[in-house]
């Protein structure tokens, strides 16, 4: 059993990560996973844990926290009548299936491959956040049939591969099909639940060598507990800041931050 001297640095880092993720989530309305995964990667890696499966630990732990935060967010949005349950019911099975497929691929890859995937997808998300326009449209309504199955499966698949919820890809996708932004954000919280539950259960079953202390599979329990506690405390502060400040330059600043994180991930992959 690890002693307090080895656990304390990890707990201090996790407290800082959780506080930052909560403020960013409240301030910009982005899911915590896009912050948590790279933060876990640097924290656990700096402390010497994870090895070739470091990214699996980061993804699994992030997805476990998303179960709790997405349920809380979806219920809050539901009380305001903002969740589009018709979209959630019709798209949910495809999103969940894609998330499960994403887990199986993630379980079979080395950490460097997952770093590369995260870096590329985070770069795309950052560029869209920086340069996307509210008036862009792919259609006047959410598609059905093969398009729904393909897009829903891709949403779940890529989100699970990155260890994130439904907001990063789900909100832009729905707004491109003319779903109002507030309804898209609320419904994406529901997608987060659908993505995180099957994927996190899968990561719990992985056998990870050199996992951080008190991990079950690829889910680290201290990180899960600390992140949930800290985000519950700090997200309201981010929300208050959002109401006092212009969100547009903040989103551009976060987009730059996300692009830099993605570039740093890719830099490490190529060994620079």
C-alpha atoms as a PDB file:
ATOM      1  CA  UNK A   1       0.000   0.000   0.000  1.00  0.00           C
ATOM      2  CA  UNK A   2       1.472   3.404  -0.955  1.00  0.00           C
ATOM      3  CA  UNK A   3       2.404   5.729   1.891  1.00  0.00           C
ATOM      4  CA  UNK A   4       1.149   9.269   2.450  1.00  0.00           C
ATOM      5  CA  UNK A   5       4.349  10.786   1.039  1.00  0.00           C
ATOM      6  CA  UNK A   6       3.663   9.192  -2.359  1.00  0.00           C
ATOM      7  CA  UNK A   7      -0.088   9.920  -2.322  1.00  0.00           C
ATOM      8  CA  UNK A   8       0.106  13.572  -1.251  1.00  0.00           C
ATOM      9  CA  UNK A   9       1.655  14.966  -4.483  1.00  0.00           C
ATOM     10  CA  UNK A  10      -0.968  13.136  -6.540  1.00  0.00           C
ATOM     11  CA  UNK A  11      -3.822  14.452  -4.384  1.00  0.00           C
ATOM     12  CA  UNK A  12      -2.514  18.031  -4.535  1.00  0.00           C
ATOM     13  CA  UNK A  13      -2.250  17.869  -8.321  1.00  0.00           C
ATOM     14  CA  UNK A  14      -5.753  16.405  -8.553  1.00  0.00           C
ATOM     15  CA  UNK A  15      -7.179  19.196  -6.390  1.00  0.00           C
ATOM     16  CA  UNK A  16      -5.690  21.809  -8.735  1.00  0.00           C
ATOM     17  CA  UNK A  17      -6.888  19.926 -11.839  1.00  0.00           C
ATOM     18  CA  UNK A  18     -10.428  19.593 -10.487  1.00  0.00           C
ATOM     19  CA  UNK A  19     -10.633  23.252  -9.533  1.00  0.00           C
ATOM     20  CA  UNK A  20      -9.450  24.389 -12.975  1.00  0.00           C
ATOM     21  CA  UNK A  21     -11.746  21.970 -14.834  1.00  0.00           C
ATOM     22  CA  UNK A  22     -14.759  23.134 -12.846  1.00  0.00           C
ATOM     23  CA  UNK A  23     -14.126  26.817 -13.512  1.00  0.00           C
ATOM     24  CA  UNK A  24     -13.568  26.205 -17.232  1.00  0.00           C
ATOM     25  CA  UNK A  25     -16.718  24.070 -17.470  1.00  0.00           C
ATOM     26  CA  UNK A  26     -18.830  26.755 -15.824  1.00  0.00           C
ATOM     27  CA  UNK A  27     -17.182  29.650 -17.655  1.00  0.00           C
ATOM     28  CA  UNK A  28     -17.220  28.285 -21.196  1.00  0.00           C
ATOM     29  CA  UNK A  29     -19.798  25.480 -21.106  1.00  0.00           C
ATOM     30  CA  UNK A  30     -17.286  22.875 -22.288  1.00  0.00           C
ATOM     31  CA  UNK A  31     -17.121  19.370 -20.878  1.00  0.00           C
ATOM     32  CA  UNK A  32     -14.483  18.702 -18.266  1.00  0.00           C
ATOM     33  CA  UNK A  33     -12.979  15.780 -20.202  1.00  0.00           C
ATOM     34  CA  UNK A  34     -11.269  18.001 -22.735  1.00  0.00           C
ATOM     35  CA  UNK A  35      -9.322  19.502 -19.807  1.00  0.00           C
ATOM     36  CA  UNK A  36      -9.103  16.422 -17.582  1.00  0.00           C
ATOM     37  CA  UNK A  37      -7.484  13.992 -20.040  1.00  0.00           C
ATOM     38  CA  UNK A  38      -4.358  16.079 -20.800  1.00  0.00           C
ATOM     39  CA  UNK A  39      -4.177  17.179 -17.152  1.00  0.00           C
ATOM     40  CA  UNK A  40      -4.308  13.568 -15.937  1.00  0.00           C
ATOM     41  CA  UNK A  41      -1.716  12.645 -18.558  1.00  0.00           C
ATOM     42  CA  UNK A  42       0.805  15.191 -17.312  1.00  0.00           C
ATOM     43  CA  UNK A  43       0.027  14.620 -13.615  1.00  0.00           C
ATOM     44  CA  UNK A  44       0.190  10.815 -13.644  1.00  0.00           C
ATOM     45  CA  UNK A  45       3.110  10.797 -16.065  1.00  0.00           C
ATOM     46  CA  UNK A  46       5.077  13.261 -13.923  1.00  0.00           C
ATOM     47  CA  UNK A  47       4.514  11.008 -10.910  1.00  0.00           C
ATOM     48  CA  UNK A  48       5.762   7.965 -12.844  1.00  0.00           C
ATOM     49  CA  UNK A  49       2.520   6.004 -13.310  1.00  0.00           C
ATOM     50  CA  UNK A  50       0.847   4.413 -16.315  1.00  0.00           C
ATOM     51  CA  UNK A  51       3.650   3.426 -18.676  1.00  0.00           C
ATOM     52  CA  UNK A  52       2.373   2.228 -22.052  1.00  0.00           C
ATOM     53  CA  UNK A  53      -1.209   2.361 -20.738  1.00  0.00           C
ATOM     54  CA  UNK A  54      -1.100   5.856 -19.281  1.00  0.00           C
ATOM     55  CA  UNK A  55      -3.667   7.243 -21.710  1.00  0.00           C
ATOM     56  CA  UNK A  56      -6.110   4.422 -20.925  1.00  0.00           C
ATOM     57  CA  UNK A  57      -6.007   5.498 -17.253  1.00  0.00           C
ATOM     58  CA  UNK A  58      -6.623   9.119 -18.272  1.00  0.00           C
ATOM     59  CA  UNK A  59      -9.533   8.224 -20.558  1.00  0.00           C
ATOM     60  CA  UNK A  60     -11.160   5.791 -18.141  1.00  0.00           C
ATOM     61  CA  UNK A  61     -10.930   8.129 -15.149  1.00  0.00           C
ATOM     62  CA  UNK A  62     -12.219  11.078 -17.161  1.00  0.00           C
ATOM     63  CA  UNK A  63     -15.204   9.081 -18.446  1.00  0.00           C
ATOM     64  CA  UNK A  64     -16.060   7.898 -14.924  1.00  0.00           C
ATOM     65  CA  UNK A  65     -16.273  11.517 -13.740  1.00  0.00           C
ATOM     66  CA  UNK A  66     -18.380  12.423 -16.769  1.00  0.00           C
ATOM     67  CA  UNK A  67     -21.091   9.960 -15.685  1.00  0.00           C
ATOM     68  CA  UNK A  68     -21.682  12.009 -12.537  1.00  0.00           C
ATOM     69  CA  UNK A  69     -21.257  15.479 -14.018  1.00  0.00           C
ATOM     70  CA  UNK A  70     -23.406  14.718 -17.081  1.00  0.00           C
ATOM     71  CA  UNK A  71     -26.260  13.317 -14.971  1.00  0.00           C
ATOM     72  CA  UNK A  72     -26.147  16.437 -12.798  1.00  0.00           C
ATOM     73  CA  UNK A  73     -26.040  18.722 -15.831  1.00  0.00           C
ATOM     74  CA  UNK A  74     -28.786  16.865 -17.741  1.00  0.00           C
ATOM     75  CA  UNK A  75     -31.140  16.966 -14.731  1.00  0.00           C
ATOM     76  CA  UNK A  76     -30.524  20.698 -14.299  1.00  0.00           C
ATOM     77  CA  UNK A  77     -31.261  21.321 -17.981  1.00  0.00           C
ATOM     78  CA  UNK A  78     -34.316  19.043 -17.833  1.00  0.00           C
ATOM     79  CA  UNK A  79     -35.791  21.121 -15.005  1.00  0.00           C
ATOM     80  CA  UNK A  80     -35.599  24.088 -17.378  1.00  0.00           C
ATOM     81  CA  UNK A  81     -37.221  22.084 -20.190  1.00  0.00           C
ATOM     82  CA  UNK A  82     -34.168  22.396 -22.420  1.00  0.00           C
ATOM     83  CA  UNK A  83     -33.336  18.731 -23.156  1.00  0.00           C
ATOM     84  CA  UNK A  84     -34.638  17.444 -26.497  1.00  0.00           C
ATOM     85  CA  UNK A  85     -35.645  13.946 -25.430  1.00  0.00           C
ATOM     86  CA  UNK A  86     -36.741  12.985 -28.954  1.00  0.00           C
ATOM     87  CA  UNK A  87     -33.182  13.506 -30.226  1.00  0.00           C
ATOM     88  CA  UNK A  88     -31.713  11.760 -27.193  1.00  0.00           C
ATOM     89  CA  UNK A  89     -33.957   8.685 -27.543  1.00  0.00           C
ATOM     90  CA  UNK A  90     -33.499   8.300 -31.291  1.00  0.00           C
ATOM     91  CA  UNK A  91     -29.751   8.984 -31.351  1.00  0.00           C
ATOM     92  CA  UNK A  92     -28.823   7.403 -28.011  1.00  0.00           C
ATOM     93  CA  UNK A  93     -28.438   3.760 -29.130  1.00  0.00           C
ATOM     94  CA  UNK A  94     -26.093   4.720 -31.970  1.00  0.00           C
ATOM     95  CA  UNK A  95     -24.065   7.016 -29.718  1.00  0.00           C
ATOM     96  CA  UNK A  96     -23.751   4.272 -27.072  1.00  0.00           C
ATOM     97  CA  UNK A  97     -22.743   1.700 -29.679  1.00  0.00           C
ATOM     98  CA  UNK A  98     -20.098   4.046 -31.027  1.00  0.00           C
ATOM     99  CA  UNK A  99     -18.779   4.688 -27.511  1.00  0.00           C
ATOM    100  CA  UNK A 100     -18.443   0.953 -26.874  1.00  0.00           C
ATOM    101  CA  UNK A 101     -16.568   0.535 -30.157  1.00  0.00           C
ATOM    102  CA  UNK A 102     -14.330   3.444 -29.153  1.00  0.00           C
ATOM    103  CA  UNK A 103     -13.522   1.715 -25.865  1.00  0.00           C
ATOM    104  CA  UNK A 104     -12.547  -1.537 -27.590  1.00  0.00           C
ATOM    105  CA  UNK A 105     -10.206   0.323 -29.931  1.00  0.00           C
ATOM    106  CA  UNK A 106      -8.736   2.380 -27.077  1.00  0.00           C
ATOM    107  CA  UNK A 107      -8.130  -0.791 -25.035  1.00  0.00           C
ATOM    108  CA  UNK A 108      -6.050  -2.272 -27.859  1.00  0.00           C
ATOM    109  CA  UNK A 109      -3.834   0.759 -28.553  1.00  0.00           C
ATOM    110  CA  UNK A 110      -0.654   1.949 -26.891  1.00  0.00           C
ATOM    111  CA  UNK A 111      -0.576   5.246 -25.058  1.00  0.00           C
ATOM    112  CA  UNK A 112       1.331   6.989 -27.869  1.00  0.00           C
ATOM    113  CA  UNK A 113      -1.350   6.091 -30.422  1.00  0.00           C
ATOM    114  CA  UNK A 114      -4.068   7.430 -28.133  1.00  0.00           C
ATOM    115  CA  UNK A 115      -2.017  10.594 -27.582  1.00  0.00           C
ATOM    116  CA  UNK A 116      -1.885  11.097 -31.353  1.00  0.00           C
ATOM    117  CA  UNK A 117      -5.641  10.558 -31.697  1.00  0.00           C
ATOM    118  CA  UNK A 118      -6.385  12.946 -28.837  1.00  0.00           C
ATOM    119  CA  UNK A 119      -4.008  15.549 -30.286  1.00  0.00           C
ATOM    120  CA  UNK A 120      -5.552  15.453 -33.766  1.00  0.00           C
ATOM    121  CA  UNK A 121      -9.168  15.511 -32.547  1.00  0.00           C
ATOM    122  CA  UNK A 122      -8.461  18.232 -29.965  1.00  0.00           C
ATOM    123  CA  UNK A 123      -6.826  20.286 -32.729  1.00  0.00           C
ATOM    124  CA  UNK A 124      -9.977  19.949 -34.863  1.00  0.00           C
ATOM    125  CA  UNK A 125     -12.183  20.916 -31.906  1.00  0.00           C
ATOM    126  CA  UNK A 126      -9.978  23.905 -31.096  1.00  0.00           C
ATOM    127  CA  UNK A 127      -9.961  25.157 -34.678  1.00  0.00           C
ATOM    128  CA  UNK A 128     -13.743  24.854 -34.905  1.00  0.00           C
ATOM    129  CA  UNK A 129     -14.126  26.700 -31.597  1.00  0.00           C
ATOM    130  CA  UNK A 130     -11.852  29.458 -32.889  1.00  0.00           C
ATOM    131  CA  UNK A 131     -13.150  29.832 -36.444  1.00  0.00           C
ATOM    132  CA  UNK A 132     -16.623  28.225 -36.520  1.00  0.00           C
ATOM    133  CA  UNK A 133     -19.582  30.468 -37.282  1.00  0.00           C
ATOM    134  CA  UNK A 134     -23.060  30.365 -35.742  1.00  0.00           C
ATOM    135  CA  UNK A 135     -24.752  30.564 -39.143  1.00  0.00           C
ATOM    136  CA  UNK A 136     -23.062  27.451 -40.601  1.00  0.00           C
ATOM    137  CA  UNK A 137     -25.635  24.752 -41.457  1.00  0.00           C
ATOM    138  CA  UNK A 138     -25.585  21.228 -42.897  1.00  0.00           C
ATOM    139  CA  UNK A 139     -29.364  20.860 -42.805  1.00  0.00           C
ATOM    140  CA  UNK A 140     -32.619  22.275 -41.453  1.00  0.00           C
ATOM    141  CA  UNK A 141     -33.247  19.365 -39.035  1.00  0.00           C
ATOM    142  CA  UNK A 142     -31.413  16.447 -37.439  1.00  0.00           C
ATOM    143  CA  UNK A 143     -31.080  13.630 -40.000  1.00  0.00           C
ATOM    144  CA  UNK A 144     -32.533  10.146 -39.705  1.00  0.00           C
ATOM    145  CA  UNK A 145     -31.774   6.750 -41.202  1.00  0.00           C
ATOM    146  CA  UNK A 146     -28.219   5.924 -42.234  1.00  0.00           C
ATOM    147  CA  UNK A 147     -26.977   9.470 -41.595  1.00  0.00           C
ATOM    148  CA  UNK A 148     -28.245   9.355 -38.009  1.00  0.00           C
ATOM    149  CA  UNK A 149     -26.630   5.977 -37.413  1.00  0.00           C
ATOM    150  CA  UNK A 150     -23.333   7.113 -38.912  1.00  0.00           C
ATOM    151  CA  UNK A 151     -23.140  10.489 -37.214  1.00  0.00           C
ATOM    152  CA  UNK A 152     -24.370   9.142 -33.868  1.00  0.00           C
ATOM    153  CA  UNK A 153     -21.903   6.268 -33.968  1.00  0.00           C
ATOM    154  CA  UNK A 154     -19.056   8.627 -34.892  1.00  0.00           C
ATOM    155  CA  UNK A 155     -20.000  10.995 -32.047  1.00  0.00           C
ATOM    156  CA  UNK A 156     -19.819   8.182 -29.490  1.00  0.00           C
ATOM    157  CA  UNK A 157     -16.739   6.579 -31.032  1.00  0.00           C
ATOM    158  CA  UNK A 158     -14.521   9.654 -31.140  1.00  0.00           C
ATOM    159  CA  UNK A 159     -15.731  10.950 -27.772  1.00  0.00           C
ATOM    160  CA  UNK A 160     -14.832   7.641 -26.069  1.00  0.00           C
ATOM    161  CA  UNK A 161     -11.439   7.626 -27.808  1.00  0.00           C
ATOM    162  CA  UNK A 162     -10.778  11.063 -26.298  1.00  0.00           C
ATOM    163  CA  UNK A 163     -12.319  10.355 -22.883  1.00  0.00           C
ATOM    164  CA  UNK A 164     -14.810  13.214 -23.230  1.00  0.00           C
ATOM    165  CA  UNK A 165     -18.570  13.665 -22.989  1.00  0.00           C
ATOM    166  CA  UNK A 166     -21.082  14.772 -25.580  1.00  0.00           C
ATOM    167  CA  UNK A 167     -20.426  18.508 -25.717  1.00  0.00           C
ATOM    168  CA  UNK A 168     -17.225  18.897 -27.716  1.00  0.00           C
ATOM    169  CA  UNK A 169     -18.590  17.200 -30.839  1.00  0.00           C
ATOM    170  CA  UNK A 170     -22.300  16.955 -30.042  1.00  0.00           C
ATOM    171  CA  UNK A 171     -23.020  20.670 -29.668  1.00  0.00           C
ATOM    172  CA  UNK A 172     -21.391  21.700 -32.998  1.00  0.00           C
ATOM    173  CA  UNK A 173     -23.076  18.781 -34.778  1.00  0.00           C
ATOM    174  CA  UNK A 174     -26.547  19.682 -33.511  1.00  0.00           C
ATOM    175  CA  UNK A 175     -26.142  23.397 -34.215  1.00  0.00           C
ATOM    176  CA  UNK A 176     -25.053  22.545 -37.762  1.00  0.00           C
ATOM    177  CA  UNK A 177     -28.498  20.930 -38.107  1.00  0.00           C
ATOM    178  CA  UNK A 178     -30.316  24.022 -36.793  1.00  0.00           C
ATOM    179  CA  UNK A 179     -30.830  22.889 -33.186  1.00  0.00           C
ATOM    180  CA  UNK A 180     -30.811  26.070 -31.019  1.00  0.00           C
ATOM    181  CA  UNK A 181     -27.599  26.380 -29.020  1.00  0.00           C
ATOM    182  CA  UNK A 182     -29.185  26.151 -25.548  1.00  0.00           C
ATOM    183  CA  UNK A 183     -31.122  23.028 -26.546  1.00  0.00           C
ATOM    184  CA  UNK A 184     -27.988  21.561 -28.120  1.00  0.00           C
ATOM    185  CA  UNK A 185     -25.948  22.122 -24.940  1.00  0.00           C
ATOM    186  CA  UNK A 186     -28.680  20.564 -22.788  1.00  0.00           C
ATOM    187  CA  UNK A 187     -29.128  17.550 -25.055  1.00  0.00           C
ATOM    188  CA  UNK A 188     -25.370  17.055 -25.295  1.00  0.00           C
ATOM    189  CA  UNK A 189     -25.308  16.567 -21.518  1.00  0.00           C
ATOM    190  CA  UNK A 190     -27.584  13.580 -22.095  1.00  0.00           C
ATOM    191  CA  UNK A 191     -25.230  12.302 -24.780  1.00  0.00           C
ATOM    192  CA  UNK A 192     -22.460  12.513 -22.174  1.00  0.00           C
ATOM    193  CA  UNK A 193     -24.283   9.959 -20.011  1.00  0.00           C
ATOM    194  CA  UNK A 194     -24.847   7.648 -22.978  1.00  0.00           C
ATOM    195  CA  UNK A 195     -21.172   7.862 -23.954  1.00  0.00           C
ATOM    196  CA  UNK A 196     -19.608   7.625 -20.515  1.00  0.00           C
ATOM    197  CA  UNK A 197     -21.512   4.707 -18.948  1.00  0.00           C
ATOM    198  CA  UNK A 198     -20.637   1.925 -21.440  1.00  0.00           C
ATOM    199  CA  UNK A 199     -17.111   3.227 -22.040  1.00  0.00           C
ATOM    200  CA  UNK A 200     -16.296   3.687 -18.335  1.00  0.00           C
ATOM    201  CA  UNK A 201     -17.595   0.207 -17.503  1.00  0.00           C
ATOM    202  CA  UNK A 202     -15.273  -1.132 -20.173  1.00  0.00           C
ATOM    203  CA  UNK A 203     -12.271   0.731 -18.767  1.00  0.00           C
ATOM    204  CA  UNK A 204     -13.031  -0.674 -15.300  1.00  0.00           C
ATOM    205  CA  UNK A 205     -12.386  -4.167 -16.684  1.00  0.00           C
ATOM    206  CA  UNK A 206      -8.927  -3.402 -18.137  1.00  0.00           C
ATOM    207  CA  UNK A 207      -5.811  -4.860 -16.564  1.00  0.00           C
ATOM    208  CA  UNK A 208      -3.392  -1.909 -16.328  1.00  0.00           C
ATOM    209  CA  UNK A 209       0.229  -2.400 -15.311  1.00  0.00           C
ATOM    210  CA  UNK A 210       1.727   0.366 -13.132  1.00  0.00           C
ATOM    211  CA  UNK A 211      -1.616   2.088 -12.591  1.00  0.00           C
ATOM    212  CA  UNK A 212      -1.784   4.922 -10.032  1.00  0.00           C
ATOM    213  CA  UNK A 213      -2.616   3.821  -6.460  1.00  0.00           C
ATOM    214  CA  UNK A 214      -6.187   2.705  -5.723  1.00  0.00           C
ATOM    215  CA  UNK A 215      -7.214   2.115  -9.332  1.00  0.00           C
ATOM    216  CA  UNK A 216      -9.828  -0.341 -10.545  1.00  0.00           C
ATOM    217  CA  UNK A 217      -8.819  -1.266 -14.053  1.00  0.00           C
ATOM    218  CA  UNK A 218      -8.109   2.009 -15.844  1.00  0.00           C
ATOM    219  CA  UNK A 219     -10.183   4.137 -13.437  1.00  0.00           C
ATOM    220  CA  UNK A 220      -8.334   5.836 -10.600  1.00  0.00           C
ATOM    221  CA  UNK A 221     -10.645   6.166  -7.594  1.00  0.00           C
ATOM    222  CA  UNK A 222      -8.873   9.056  -5.779  1.00  0.00           C
ATOM    223  CA  UNK A 223      -8.880  11.083  -9.000  1.00  0.00           C
ATOM    224  CA  UNK A 224     -12.557  10.278  -9.546  1.00  0.00           C
ATOM    225  CA  UNK A 225     -13.513  11.363  -6.017  1.00  0.00           C
ATOM    226  CA  UNK A 226     -11.360  14.515  -5.922  1.00  0.00           C
ATOM    227  CA  UNK A 227     -12.406  15.711  -9.384  1.00  0.00           C
ATOM    228  CA  UNK A 228     -16.117  15.268  -8.634  1.00  0.00           C
ATOM    229  CA  UNK A 229     -15.791  17.145  -5.338  1.00  0.00           C
ATOM    230  CA  UNK A 230     -13.741  20.003  -6.788  1.00  0.00           C
ATOM    231  CA  UNK A 231     -15.861  20.506  -9.904  1.00  0.00           C
ATOM    232  CA  UNK A 232     -19.007  20.661  -7.760  1.00  0.00           C
ATOM    233  CA  UNK A 233     -17.335  23.403  -5.725  1.00  0.00           C
ATOM    234  CA  UNK A 234     -15.778  25.473  -8.509  1.00  0.00           C
ATOM    235  CA  UNK A 235     -18.207  25.175 -11.451  1.00  0.00           C
ATOM    236  CA  UNK A 236     -20.599  27.751  -9.896  1.00  0.00           C
ATOM    237  CA  UNK A 237     -17.740  30.269  -9.773  1.00  0.00           C
ATOM    238  CA  UNK A 238     -17.150  29.746 -13.475  1.00  0.00           C
ATOM    239  CA  UNK A 239     -20.855  30.262 -14.148  1.00  0.00           C
ATOM    240  CA  UNK A 240     -20.799  33.537 -12.222  1.00  0.00           C
ATOM    241  CA  UNK A 241     -17.772  34.724 -14.167  1.00  0.00           C
ATOM    242  CA  UNK A 242     -19.495  33.811 -17.427  1.00  0.00           C
ATOM    243  CA  UNK A 243     -22.413  36.111 -16.585  1.00  0.00           C
ATOM    244  CA  UNK A 244     -20.049  38.994 -15.857  1.00  0.00           C
ATOM    245  CA  UNK A 245     -17.789  38.650 -18.889  1.00  0.00           C
ATOM    246  CA  UNK A 246     -18.078  38.473 -22.674  1.00  0.00           C
ATOM    247  CA  UNK A 247     -17.829  34.759 -23.500  1.00  0.00           C
ATOM    248  CA  UNK A 248     -16.657  35.176 -27.105  1.00  0.00           C
ATOM    249  CA  UNK A 249     -13.055  36.279 -26.460  1.00  0.00           C
ATOM    250  CA  UNK A 250     -12.877  33.737 -23.643  1.00  0.00           C
ATOM    251  CA  UNK A 251     -13.875  30.956 -26.029  1.00  0.00           C
ATOM    252  CA  UNK A 252     -11.238  32.088 -28.491  1.00  0.00           C
ATOM    253  CA  UNK A 253      -8.666  32.090 -25.698  1.00  0.00           C
ATOM    254  CA  UNK A 254      -9.714  28.577 -24.692  1.00  0.00           C
ATOM    255  CA  UNK A 255      -9.510  27.526 -28.347  1.00  0.00           C
ATOM    256  CA  UNK A 256      -5.890  28.731 -28.421  1.00  0.00           C
ATOM    257  CA  UNK A 257      -5.234  26.850 -25.172  1.00  0.00           C
ATOM    258  CA  UNK A 258      -6.789  23.690 -26.646  1.00  0.00           C
ATOM    259  CA  UNK A 259      -4.732  23.967 -29.832  1.00  0.00           C
ATOM    260  CA  UNK A 260      -1.542  24.383 -27.776  1.00  0.00           C
ATOM    261  CA  UNK A 261      -2.448  21.319 -25.682  1.00  0.00           C
ATOM    262  CA  UNK A 262      -3.056  19.349 -28.875  1.00  0.00           C
ATOM    263  CA  UNK A 263       0.262  20.483 -30.370  1.00  0.00           C
ATOM    264  CA  UNK A 264       2.089  19.520 -27.183  1.00  0.00           C
ATOM    265  CA  UNK A 265       0.513  16.056 -27.240  1.00  0.00           C
ATOM    266  CA  UNK A 266       1.556  15.619 -30.868  1.00  0.00           C
ATOM    267  CA  UNK A 267       5.049  16.949 -30.071  1.00  0.00           C
ATOM    268  CA  UNK A 268       5.490  14.237 -27.466  1.00  0.00           C
ATOM    269  CA  UNK A 269       4.267  11.574 -29.914  1.00  0.00           C
ATOM    270  CA  UNK A 270       6.977  12.437 -32.437  1.00  0.00           C
ATOM    271  CA  UNK A 271       9.613  12.741 -29.685  1.00  0.00           C
ATOM    272  CA  UNK A 272      10.423  16.447 -29.959  1.00  0.00           C
END
